[in-house]
Amino acid sequence: MAAYMVVRADIKDPERYKDYTAKTPALIEKHGGRFLVRGGSVETLEGREENRRVVIVEFESVEKARVFYQSPEYQELVKISSEAGDRELILVDGFAG
């Protein structure tokens, strides 16, 4: 069953963040993931106003998403992302019906 990594990021240093975004697509693809949402405009329809960058990545399974996240290559990129701003990252199991 598919799993979704949802990221909400408040980017403080866009130049540093470019170092992160330049390397993540190939690594995500290497782990079988694909971007469903990568930035773009955000419109709040209900609840607290959202103005952070939103990214959604689909993986084949929760296990594959975890392998991606825990990989040494991605953990190096996490350091860069942390230097560029603050973010929340959650992993959501896909709908089973």
N, C-alpha and C. Protein backbone atom coordinates (compact mmCIF):
# COMPACT_ATOMS: atom_id res chain seq x y z
N MET A 1 0.84 -1.17 0.00
CA MET A 1 0.00 0.00 0.00
C MET A 1 0.89 1.24 0.00
N ALA A 2 0.51 2.24 -0.77
CA ALA A 2 1.30 3.46 -0.87
C ALA A 2 1.40 4.17 0.47
N ALA A 3 2.46 4.95 0.59
CA ALA A 3 2.68 5.79 1.76
C ALA A 3 3.08 7.17 1.26
N TYR A 4 2.79 8.18 2.06
CA TYR A 4 3.01 9.56 1.66
C TYR A 4 3.83 10.28 2.72
N MET A 5 4.90 10.89 2.26
CA MET A 5 5.72 11.74 3.11
C MET A 5 5.25 13.17 2.87
N VAL A 6 4.80 13.83 3.92
CA VAL A 6 4.26 15.18 3.82
C VAL A 6 5.20 16.11 4.58
N VAL A 7 5.65 17.13 3.88
CA VAL A 7 6.59 18.08 4.47
C VAL A 7 5.98 19.47 4.40
N ARG A 8 6.10 20.19 5.52
CA ARG A 8 5.74 21.61 5.54
C ARG A 8 6.99 22.34 6.02
N ALA A 9 7.50 23.22 5.19
CA ALA A 9 8.79 23.85 5.48
C ALA A 9 8.68 25.37 5.47
N ASP A 10 9.32 25.98 6.44
CA ASP A 10 9.45 27.43 6.53
C ASP A 10 10.90 27.74 6.18
N ILE A 11 11.14 28.14 4.96
CA ILE A 11 12.49 28.34 4.45
C ILE A 11 12.99 29.73 4.84
N LYS A 12 14.09 29.76 5.59
CA LYS A 12 14.70 31.02 6.04
C LYS A 12 15.86 31.43 5.14
N ASP A 13 16.53 30.43 4.54
CA ASP A 13 17.70 30.68 3.69
C ASP A 13 17.49 29.98 2.34
N PRO A 14 16.81 30.66 1.39
CA PRO A 14 16.50 30.03 0.10
C PRO A 14 17.74 29.56 -0.67
N GLU A 15 18.83 30.28 -0.56
CA GLU A 15 20.04 29.87 -1.28
C GLU A 15 20.57 28.54 -0.74
N ARG A 16 20.60 28.38 0.56
CA ARG A 16 21.05 27.12 1.16
C ARG A 16 20.07 26.00 0.83
N TYR A 17 18.78 26.31 0.80
CA TYR A 17 17.76 25.32 0.50
C TYR A 17 17.91 24.76 -0.91
N LYS A 18 18.44 25.57 -1.83
CA LYS A 18 18.68 25.10 -3.19
C LYS A 18 19.65 23.92 -3.20
N ASP A 19 20.61 23.90 -2.26
CA ASP A 19 21.54 22.78 -2.16
C ASP A 19 20.79 21.48 -1.82
N TYR A 20 19.76 21.61 -1.01
CA TYR A 20 18.91 20.47 -0.62
C TYR A 20 18.04 20.03 -1.81
N THR A 21 17.33 20.99 -2.41
CA THR A 21 16.39 20.63 -3.47
C THR A 21 17.08 20.14 -4.75
N ALA A 22 18.34 20.49 -4.93
CA ALA A 22 19.07 20.02 -6.11
C ALA A 22 19.38 18.52 -6.02
N LYS A 23 19.47 17.99 -4.81
CA LYS A 23 19.89 16.60 -4.63
C LYS A 23 18.76 15.64 -4.29
N THR A 24 17.65 16.14 -3.79
CA THR A 24 16.59 15.23 -3.35
C THR A 24 15.87 14.48 -4.47
N PRO A 25 15.61 15.08 -5.64
CA PRO A 25 14.85 14.33 -6.65
C PRO A 25 15.48 13.01 -7.05
N ALA A 26 16.77 13.00 -7.31
CA ALA A 26 17.44 11.76 -7.73
C ALA A 26 17.42 10.73 -6.61
N LEU A 27 17.58 11.18 -5.38
CA LEU A 27 17.59 10.25 -4.24
C LEU A 27 16.19 9.68 -3.99
N ILE A 28 15.19 10.51 -4.11
CA ILE A 28 13.81 10.03 -3.97
C ILE A 28 13.50 9.00 -5.05
N GLU A 29 13.89 9.30 -6.28
CA GLU A 29 13.66 8.37 -7.38
C GLU A 29 14.42 7.06 -7.16
N LYS A 30 15.63 7.15 -6.67
CA LYS A 30 16.43 5.95 -6.38
C LYS A 30 15.71 5.01 -5.41
N HIS A 31 14.92 5.60 -4.50
CA HIS A 31 14.20 4.82 -3.50
C HIS A 31 12.76 4.53 -3.91
N GLY A 32 12.45 4.75 -5.19
CA GLY A 32 11.13 4.41 -5.69
C GLY A 32 10.05 5.42 -5.39
N GLY A 33 10.43 6.61 -4.95
CA GLY A 33 9.45 7.63 -4.64
C GLY A 33 9.22 8.56 -5.81
N ARG A 34 8.14 9.32 -5.71
CA ARG A 34 7.86 10.34 -6.73
C ARG A 34 7.13 11.51 -6.10
N PHE A 35 7.46 12.69 -6.57
CA PHE A 35 6.80 13.89 -6.07
C PHE A 35 5.37 13.96 -6.58
N LEU A 36 4.44 14.25 -5.66
CA LEU A 36 3.08 14.56 -6.05
C LEU A 36 2.86 16.07 -5.97
N VAL A 37 3.50 16.68 -4.98
CA VAL A 37 3.45 18.13 -4.78
C VAL A 37 4.85 18.57 -4.42
N ARG A 38 5.31 19.64 -5.05
CA ARG A 38 6.65 20.15 -4.71
C ARG A 38 6.60 21.67 -4.75
N GLY A 39 6.15 22.24 -3.63
CA GLY A 39 6.02 23.69 -3.58
C GLY A 39 4.70 24.11 -4.21
N GLY A 40 4.69 25.28 -4.79
CA GLY A 40 3.47 25.80 -5.40
C GLY A 40 2.65 26.61 -4.39
N SER A 41 1.63 27.22 -4.89
CA SER A 41 0.81 28.07 -4.02
C SER A 41 -0.02 27.22 -3.06
N VAL A 42 -0.28 27.78 -1.90
CA VAL A 42 -1.06 27.10 -0.86
C VAL A 42 -2.24 27.99 -0.50
N GLU A 43 -3.41 27.42 -0.46
CA GLU A 43 -4.62 28.15 -0.08
C GLU A 43 -5.25 27.45 1.12
N THR A 44 -5.42 28.18 2.20
CA THR A 44 -6.05 27.62 3.39
C THR A 44 -7.57 27.74 3.25
N LEU A 45 -8.25 26.60 3.31
CA LEU A 45 -9.70 26.60 3.22
C LEU A 45 -10.35 26.53 4.59
N GLU A 46 -9.69 25.87 5.54
CA GLU A 46 -10.18 25.79 6.92
C GLU A 46 -8.98 25.76 7.84
N GLY A 47 -9.19 26.19 9.08
CA GLY A 47 -8.15 26.08 10.09
C GLY A 47 -7.10 27.17 10.02
N ARG A 48 -6.00 26.89 10.68
CA ARG A 48 -4.90 27.84 10.80
C ARG A 48 -4.30 28.15 9.43
N GLU A 49 -4.02 29.40 9.20
CA GLU A 49 -3.44 29.85 7.92
C GLU A 49 -2.12 29.13 7.65
N GLU A 50 -1.98 28.57 6.47
CA GLU A 50 -0.76 27.86 6.08
C GLU A 50 -0.02 28.67 5.03
N ASN A 51 1.23 29.00 5.31
CA ASN A 51 2.01 29.75 4.33
C ASN A 51 3.40 29.13 4.13
N ARG A 52 3.56 27.90 4.60
CA ARG A 52 4.83 27.21 4.41
C ARG A 52 4.85 26.48 3.08
N ARG A 53 6.03 26.09 2.65
CA ARG A 53 6.20 25.27 1.45
C ARG A 53 5.68 23.87 1.78
N VAL A 54 4.88 23.30 0.90
CA VAL A 54 4.32 21.97 1.10
C VAL A 54 4.86 21.04 0.02
N VAL A 55 5.34 19.87 0.46
CA VAL A 55 5.85 18.86 -0.45
C VAL A 55 5.20 17.53 -0.05
N ILE A 56 4.73 16.78 -1.04
CA ILE A 56 4.18 15.45 -0.81
C ILE A 56 4.89 14.48 -1.75
N VAL A 57 5.45 13.43 -1.15
CA VAL A 57 6.16 12.41 -1.92
C VAL A 57 5.48 11.07 -1.70
N GLU A 58 5.20 10.37 -2.78
CA GLU A 58 4.57 9.06 -2.68
C GLU A 58 5.65 7.97 -2.79
N PHE A 59 5.55 7.00 -1.89
CA PHE A 59 6.41 5.82 -1.93
C PHE A 59 5.52 4.59 -2.04
N GLU A 60 6.11 3.50 -2.47
CA GLU A 60 5.39 2.24 -2.64
C GLU A 60 4.82 1.72 -1.31
N SER A 61 5.54 1.98 -0.22
CA SER A 61 5.12 1.48 1.09
C SER A 61 5.76 2.33 2.19
N VAL A 62 5.25 2.17 3.39
CA VAL A 62 5.84 2.83 4.56
C VAL A 62 7.28 2.38 4.73
N GLU A 63 7.53 1.11 4.53
CA GLU A 63 8.87 0.57 4.70
C GLU A 63 9.86 1.24 3.75
N LYS A 64 9.46 1.40 2.48
CA LYS A 64 10.36 2.04 1.51
C LYS A 64 10.59 3.50 1.84
N ALA A 65 9.57 4.17 2.34
CA ALA A 65 9.73 5.56 2.76
C ALA A 65 10.70 5.67 3.93
N ARG A 66 10.59 4.75 4.86
CA ARG A 66 11.51 4.76 6.01
C ARG A 66 12.95 4.49 5.58
N VAL A 67 13.13 3.55 4.65
CA VAL A 67 14.48 3.26 4.15
C VAL A 67 15.06 4.53 3.51
N PHE A 68 14.25 5.22 2.73
CA PHE A 68 14.70 6.48 2.13
C PHE A 68 15.11 7.46 3.23
N TYR A 69 14.20 7.70 4.17
CA TYR A 69 14.45 8.71 5.20
C TYR A 69 15.68 8.37 6.04
N GLN A 70 15.86 7.12 6.37
CA GLN A 70 16.96 6.70 7.23
C GLN A 70 18.28 6.49 6.49
N SER A 71 18.26 6.59 5.17
CA SER A 71 19.49 6.35 4.41
C SER A 71 20.54 7.40 4.76
N PRO A 72 21.80 7.00 4.80
CA PRO A 72 22.87 7.96 5.09
C PRO A 72 22.89 9.15 4.13
N GLU A 73 22.55 8.89 2.85
CA GLU A 73 22.54 9.98 1.88
C GLU A 73 21.49 11.03 2.23
N TYR A 74 20.31 10.57 2.61
CA TYR A 74 19.27 11.53 2.94
C TYR A 74 19.56 12.23 4.27
N GLN A 75 20.09 11.52 5.22
CA GLN A 75 20.41 12.15 6.50
C GLN A 75 21.42 13.29 6.33
N GLU A 76 22.31 13.18 5.35
CA GLU A 76 23.21 14.30 5.03
C GLU A 76 22.42 15.49 4.50
N LEU A 77 21.39 15.22 3.71
CA LEU A 77 20.55 16.30 3.19
C LEU A 77 19.68 16.92 4.27
N VAL A 78 19.29 16.14 5.26
CA VAL A 78 18.51 16.67 6.38
C VAL A 78 19.30 17.77 7.08
N LYS A 79 20.59 17.59 7.20
CA LYS A 79 21.44 18.61 7.83
C LYS A 79 21.36 19.92 7.05
N ILE A 80 21.41 19.82 5.73
CA ILE A 80 21.32 21.02 4.89
C ILE A 80 19.96 21.68 5.06
N SER A 81 18.90 20.87 5.03
CA SER A 81 17.55 21.40 5.19
C SER A 81 17.38 22.11 6.52
N SER A 82 17.95 21.54 7.56
CA SER A 82 17.86 22.15 8.90
C SER A 82 18.56 23.49 8.95
N GLU A 83 19.65 23.62 8.20
CA GLU A 83 20.36 24.90 8.14
C GLU A 83 19.56 25.95 7.37
N ALA A 84 18.72 25.50 6.44
CA ALA A 84 17.98 26.41 5.58
C ALA A 84 16.67 26.90 6.19
N GLY A 85 16.15 26.17 7.18
CA GLY A 85 14.88 26.57 7.78
C GLY A 85 14.33 25.51 8.71
N ASP A 86 13.07 25.66 9.04
CA ASP A 86 12.38 24.73 9.93
C ASP A 86 11.35 23.96 9.13
N ARG A 87 11.14 22.69 9.52
CA ARG A 87 10.14 21.91 8.81
C ARG A 87 9.52 20.85 9.69
N GLU A 88 8.38 20.39 9.26
CA GLU A 88 7.70 19.24 9.84
C GLU A 88 7.64 18.19 8.75
N LEU A 89 7.88 16.95 9.09
CA LEU A 89 7.83 15.88 8.12
C LEU A 89 7.07 14.72 8.76
N ILE A 90 6.00 14.29 8.11
CA ILE A 90 5.21 13.17 8.62
C ILE A 90 5.09 12.11 7.54
N LEU A 91 4.89 10.89 7.97
CA LEU A 91 4.71 9.75 7.08
C LEU A 91 3.30 9.22 7.30
N VAL A 92 2.54 9.12 6.21
CA VAL A 92 1.13 8.72 6.29
C VAL A 92 0.94 7.46 5.46
N ASP A 93 0.34 6.45 6.08
CA ASP A 93 -0.03 5.22 5.37
C ASP A 93 -1.14 5.53 4.39
N GLY A 94 -1.08 4.95 3.20
CA GLY A 94 -2.12 5.17 2.19
C GLY A 94 -3.44 4.57 2.61
N PHE A 95 -4.48 4.97 1.94
CA PHE A 95 -5.84 4.53 2.23
C PHE A 95 -6.02 3.07 1.83
N ALA A 96 -6.54 2.28 2.75
CA ALA A 96 -6.70 0.84 2.49
C ALA A 96 -8.11 0.49 2.02
N GLY A 97 -9.03 1.42 2.05
CA GLY A 97 -10.37 1.15 1.53
C GLY A 97 -11.37 0.74 2.50
